[in-house]
Amino acid sequence: MLPSSFKPQASAALLQRHKWRGRVGLMLVASLSVLAGMTDAIGFMASGDFVSFMSGNTTRLAVAISDGDLGLSARLTLLVATFVLGNALGVIISRASKRHALPLLLCIAMLLCGAAAWPWDDLLPALLAAIVAMGMLNAAVEEVNGLPVGLTYVTGALSRFGRGLGRWMLGERRNGWRVQLIPWAGMFVGAVIGALLEQHMGIRALLVSGLLSALLGLVSLKIPRRWHLGYMPR
């Protein structure tokens, strides 16, 4: 039989580990959201198309179809389909690497650096590489301590925050809704940085995004393996 004092101590230790897993996960979410916002701003300013904000591209696609603009409709359909493909590839790479973040983030870094090095005036191939990378990024973290998070889009995060705010105003005291502002803030800060970089470097600013992805991959090696298994998609 365990001493009676052992159970409270063990429970406290488990609770502390749970809190630290959540904090580390949210820091990772914030960092990856900065990467997403930076890349989206660079791609948008360089080409006029969104790299990770597929809601915007979907609305633009609908307008293009209503205007009868077949060329733009085909281009936007390709962008949205490429993003879906990137998400699928992210899960495949995650599973193939036994749910380690480093291989996934290194693949993303290679795609972004390749896009930055694209030598011709037609930016569509570079844009597609960046979109695949942003789709793959969503496989890096899917949830933190049971809370769903999005890395390359913030509409869901703002919606969950707003609904949580409404429940709080009604007197309900549920946990977790406030953290939904973290991916939004990360993406906003990243977009500001990306816009500034693009003004000075153009599409080659994606090199900074690629280097950030590689750096975050190396940092992820410091995160306990069992925590990663809880963050990444199953």
Protein backbone atom coordinates (compact mmCIF):
# COMPACT_ATOMS: atom_id res chain seq x y z
CA MET A 1 0.00 0.00 0.00
CA LEU A 2 1.20 3.51 -0.83
CA PRO A 3 1.47 6.04 2.00
CA SER A 4 -1.61 8.24 2.24
CA SER A 5 0.54 11.33 1.68
CA PHE A 6 1.84 9.93 -1.62
CA LYS A 7 -1.44 10.23 -3.53
CA PRO A 8 -1.88 14.01 -3.05
CA GLN A 9 1.78 14.54 -3.93
CA ALA A 10 1.44 12.41 -7.07
CA SER A 11 -1.72 14.25 -8.06
CA ALA A 12 0.01 17.61 -7.59
CA ALA A 13 2.95 16.46 -9.72
CA LEU A 14 0.62 15.27 -12.49
CA LEU A 15 -1.27 18.56 -12.40
CA GLN A 16 1.99 20.50 -12.64
CA ARG A 17 3.13 18.43 -15.64
CA HIS A 18 -0.27 18.98 -17.25
CA LYS A 19 0.08 22.74 -16.83
CA TRP A 20 3.60 22.77 -18.25
CA ARG A 21 2.52 20.65 -21.21
CA GLY A 22 -0.20 23.19 -21.88
CA ARG A 23 2.14 26.17 -21.57
CA VAL A 24 4.77 24.65 -23.85
CA GLY A 25 2.10 23.67 -26.35
CA LEU A 26 0.67 27.18 -26.44
CA MET A 27 4.15 28.67 -26.90
CA LEU A 28 4.62 26.31 -29.83
CA VAL A 29 1.23 27.31 -31.23
CA ALA A 30 2.14 31.00 -30.92
CA SER A 31 5.46 30.46 -32.69
CA LEU A 32 3.96 28.43 -35.52
CA SER A 33 1.17 30.99 -35.92
CA VAL A 34 3.81 33.71 -36.32
CA LEU A 35 5.32 31.57 -39.09
CA ALA A 36 1.92 31.19 -40.75
CA GLY A 37 1.08 34.90 -40.54
CA MET A 38 4.50 35.89 -41.84
CA THR A 39 4.26 33.53 -44.82
CA ASP A 40 0.69 34.54 -45.65
CA ALA A 41 1.55 38.25 -45.66
CA ILE A 42 4.62 37.71 -47.83
CA GLY A 43 2.70 35.59 -50.33
CA PHE A 44 -0.24 37.99 -50.45
CA MET A 45 1.87 41.10 -50.96
CA ALA A 46 4.06 39.42 -53.57
CA SER A 47 1.30 37.78 -55.62
CA GLY A 48 -2.08 39.14 -54.52
CA ASP A 49 -3.17 35.64 -53.44
CA PHE A 50 -3.50 34.25 -49.93
CA VAL A 51 -1.12 31.48 -48.93
CA SER A 52 -2.90 30.18 -45.83
CA PHE A 53 -6.18 32.14 -45.64
CA MET A 54 -8.31 29.83 -47.77
CA SER A 55 -11.55 31.47 -46.61
CA GLY A 56 -10.42 34.58 -48.47
CA ASN A 57 -9.46 32.59 -51.55
CA THR A 58 -12.81 30.77 -51.45
CA THR A 59 -14.73 34.06 -51.39
CA ARG A 60 -12.57 35.38 -54.22
CA LEU A 61 -13.25 32.18 -56.16
CA ALA A 62 -17.00 32.62 -55.77
CA VAL A 63 -16.78 36.22 -57.00
CA ALA A 64 -14.60 35.19 -59.95
CA ILE A 65 -17.11 32.51 -60.93
CA SER A 66 -20.00 35.00 -60.72
CA ASP A 67 -18.00 37.41 -62.91
CA GLY A 68 -17.30 34.69 -65.46
CA ASP A 69 -13.54 35.09 -65.03
CA LEU A 70 -12.44 31.59 -66.00
CA GLY A 71 -8.71 32.27 -65.67
CA LEU A 72 -8.93 33.59 -62.12
CA SER A 73 -11.44 30.88 -61.18
CA ALA A 74 -9.04 28.16 -62.35
CA ARG A 75 -6.12 29.78 -60.50
CA LEU A 76 -8.02 30.07 -57.21
CA THR A 77 -9.39 26.53 -57.51
CA LEU A 78 -5.80 25.34 -57.90
CA LEU A 79 -4.72 27.28 -54.79
CA VAL A 80 -7.50 25.85 -52.61
CA ALA A 81 -6.90 22.29 -53.88
CA THR A 82 -3.16 22.68 -53.23
CA PHE A 83 -3.84 23.72 -49.63
CA VAL A 84 -5.99 20.61 -49.11
CA LEU A 85 -3.20 18.49 -50.58
CA GLY A 86 -0.71 20.12 -48.22
CA ASN A 87 -2.84 19.18 -45.21
CA ALA A 88 -2.99 15.58 -46.42
CA LEU A 89 0.77 15.48 -46.96
CA GLY A 90 1.31 16.90 -43.48
CA VAL A 91 -0.56 14.00 -41.90
CA ILE A 92 1.27 11.48 -44.09
CA ILE A 93 4.69 12.90 -43.18
CA SER A 94 3.70 13.07 -39.52
CA ARG A 95 2.70 9.41 -39.51
CA ALA A 96 5.75 8.35 -41.54
CA SER A 97 8.05 10.10 -39.04
CA LYS A 98 6.19 8.52 -36.11
CA ARG A 99 4.73 11.90 -35.17
CA HIS A 100 7.98 13.78 -34.71
CA ALA A 101 7.69 17.48 -35.51
CA LEU A 102 11.25 17.94 -36.78
CA PRO A 103 10.90 16.10 -40.14
CA LEU A 104 7.64 17.89 -40.87
CA LEU A 105 9.04 21.35 -40.08
CA LEU A 106 12.19 20.65 -42.09
CA CYS A 107 10.07 19.68 -45.11
CA ILE A 108 8.16 22.94 -44.67
CA ALA A 109 11.47 24.83 -44.44
CA MET A 110 12.70 23.26 -47.69
CA LEU A 111 9.50 24.22 -49.52
CA LEU A 112 9.63 27.81 -48.28
CA CYS A 113 13.33 28.21 -49.08
CA GLY A 114 12.71 26.72 -52.52
CA ALA A 115 9.88 29.21 -53.07
CA ALA A 116 12.17 32.07 -52.00
CA ALA A 117 14.81 30.95 -54.50
CA TRP A 118 12.36 30.73 -57.44
CA PRO A 119 14.24 32.58 -60.23
CA TRP A 120 11.49 33.39 -62.77
CA ASP A 121 8.92 36.17 -62.92
CA ASP A 122 5.95 33.77 -62.83
CA LEU A 123 5.43 33.34 -59.10
CA LEU A 124 2.74 30.65 -59.32
CA PRO A 125 5.09 27.67 -58.66
CA ALA A 126 6.64 29.50 -55.70
CA LEU A 127 3.16 30.35 -54.43
CA LEU A 128 2.05 26.72 -54.72
CA ALA A 129 5.12 25.54 -52.78
CA ALA A 130 4.33 27.99 -49.99
CA ILE A 131 0.68 26.90 -49.93
CA VAL A 132 1.66 23.23 -49.65
CA ALA A 133 3.94 24.21 -46.76
CA MET A 134 1.15 26.06 -44.96
CA GLY A 135 -1.21 23.13 -45.42
CA MET A 136 1.42 20.81 -43.95
CA LEU A 137 1.94 23.16 -41.01
CA ASN A 138 -1.48 22.31 -39.62
CA ALA A 139 -0.23 18.81 -38.82
CA ALA A 140 2.40 20.20 -36.44
CA VAL A 141 -0.09 20.92 -33.65
CA GLU A 142 -3.76 19.96 -33.67
CA GLU A 143 -4.69 20.36 -30.01
CA VAL A 144 -3.19 21.34 -26.67
CA ASN A 145 -4.52 19.62 -23.54
CA GLY A 146 -7.71 18.75 -25.40
CA LEU A 147 -8.28 22.28 -26.77
CA PRO A 148 -8.47 22.46 -30.59
CA VAL A 149 -6.15 25.00 -32.21
CA GLY A 150 -5.65 26.25 -35.75
CA LEU A 151 -2.29 27.46 -36.99
CA THR A 152 -2.94 28.89 -40.45
CA TYR A 153 -6.41 30.32 -39.95
CA VAL A 154 -7.92 32.33 -37.11
CA THR A 155 -11.66 32.52 -37.84
CA GLY A 156 -12.30 29.43 -35.74
CA ALA A 157 -10.14 30.75 -32.91
CA LEU A 158 -11.97 34.08 -32.85
CA SER A 159 -15.31 32.26 -32.98
CA ARG A 160 -14.38 30.01 -30.04
CA PHE A 161 -13.11 33.05 -28.12
CA GLY A 162 -16.33 34.97 -28.80
CA ARG A 163 -18.54 32.08 -27.73
CA GLY A 164 -16.46 31.66 -24.59
CA LEU A 165 -16.80 35.37 -23.88
CA GLY A 166 -20.58 35.09 -24.23
CA ARG A 167 -20.70 32.18 -21.76
CA TRP A 168 -18.48 34.14 -19.34
CA MET A 169 -20.85 37.12 -19.57
CA LEU A 170 -23.68 34.74 -18.68
CA GLY A 171 -21.83 33.67 -15.56
CA GLU A 172 -20.34 30.39 -16.82
CA ARG A 173 -16.73 29.87 -15.82
CA ARG A 174 -15.37 27.38 -18.33
CA ASN A 175 -11.63 27.21 -18.91
CA GLY A 176 -9.72 27.42 -22.17
CA TRP A 177 -11.57 30.00 -24.22
CA ARG A 178 -9.11 32.81 -23.52
CA VAL A 179 -6.18 30.89 -25.01
CA GLN A 180 -7.88 31.02 -28.41
CA LEU A 181 -6.47 34.54 -28.77
CA ILE A 182 -2.93 33.11 -28.82
CA PRO A 183 -3.00 31.82 -32.44
CA TRP A 184 -4.75 35.02 -33.53
CA ALA A 185 -2.13 37.22 -31.88
CA GLY A 186 0.68 35.06 -33.27
CA MET A 187 -0.67 35.26 -36.80
CA PHE A 188 -1.23 39.02 -36.51
CA VAL A 189 2.31 39.67 -35.27
CA GLY A 190 3.72 37.35 -37.93
CA ALA A 191 1.76 39.13 -40.67
CA VAL A 192 3.16 42.50 -39.60
CA ILE A 193 6.70 41.09 -39.68
CA GLY A 194 6.06 39.40 -43.03
CA ALA A 195 4.71 42.60 -44.57
CA LEU A 196 7.79 44.53 -43.48
CA LEU A 197 10.10 41.83 -44.81
CA GLU A 198 8.30 41.66 -48.17
CA GLN A 199 8.65 45.41 -48.63
CA HIS A 200 12.43 45.02 -48.50
CA MET A 201 12.98 41.53 -49.95
CA GLY A 202 9.96 40.67 -52.09
CA ILE A 203 9.19 36.96 -52.47
CA ARG A 204 12.69 36.18 -51.20
CA ALA A 205 11.40 37.07 -47.74
CA LEU A 206 10.07 33.49 -47.69
CA LEU A 207 13.66 32.52 -46.90
CA VAL A 208 13.13 34.00 -43.42
CA SER A 209 9.98 31.90 -43.06
CA GLY A 210 11.94 28.82 -44.08
CA LEU A 211 14.70 29.50 -41.59
CA LEU A 212 12.14 30.09 -38.83
CA SER A 213 10.49 26.75 -39.62
CA ALA A 214 13.84 24.95 -39.41
CA LEU A 215 14.65 26.71 -36.13
CA LEU A 216 11.29 25.74 -34.62
CA GLY A 217 11.93 22.16 -35.75
CA LEU A 218 15.21 22.12 -33.84
CA VAL A 219 13.58 23.69 -30.78
CA SER A 220 10.89 21.01 -30.90
CA LEU A 221 13.56 18.42 -30.06
CA LYS A 222 13.56 19.85 -26.53
CA ILE A 223 9.85 19.07 -26.08
CA PRO A 224 9.20 15.71 -24.38
CA ARG A 225 8.17 13.03 -26.84
CA ARG A 226 4.94 12.14 -25.01
CA TRP A 227 3.84 15.77 -25.17
CA HIS A 228 4.34 15.81 -28.94
CA LEU A 229 2.12 12.76 -29.23
CA GLY A 230 -0.63 14.79 -27.59
CA TYR A 231 -0.15 17.83 -29.82
CA MET A 232 0.05 16.21 -33.26
CA PRO A 233 -2.81 14.54 -35.18
CA ARG A 234 -3.40 10.85 -34.50
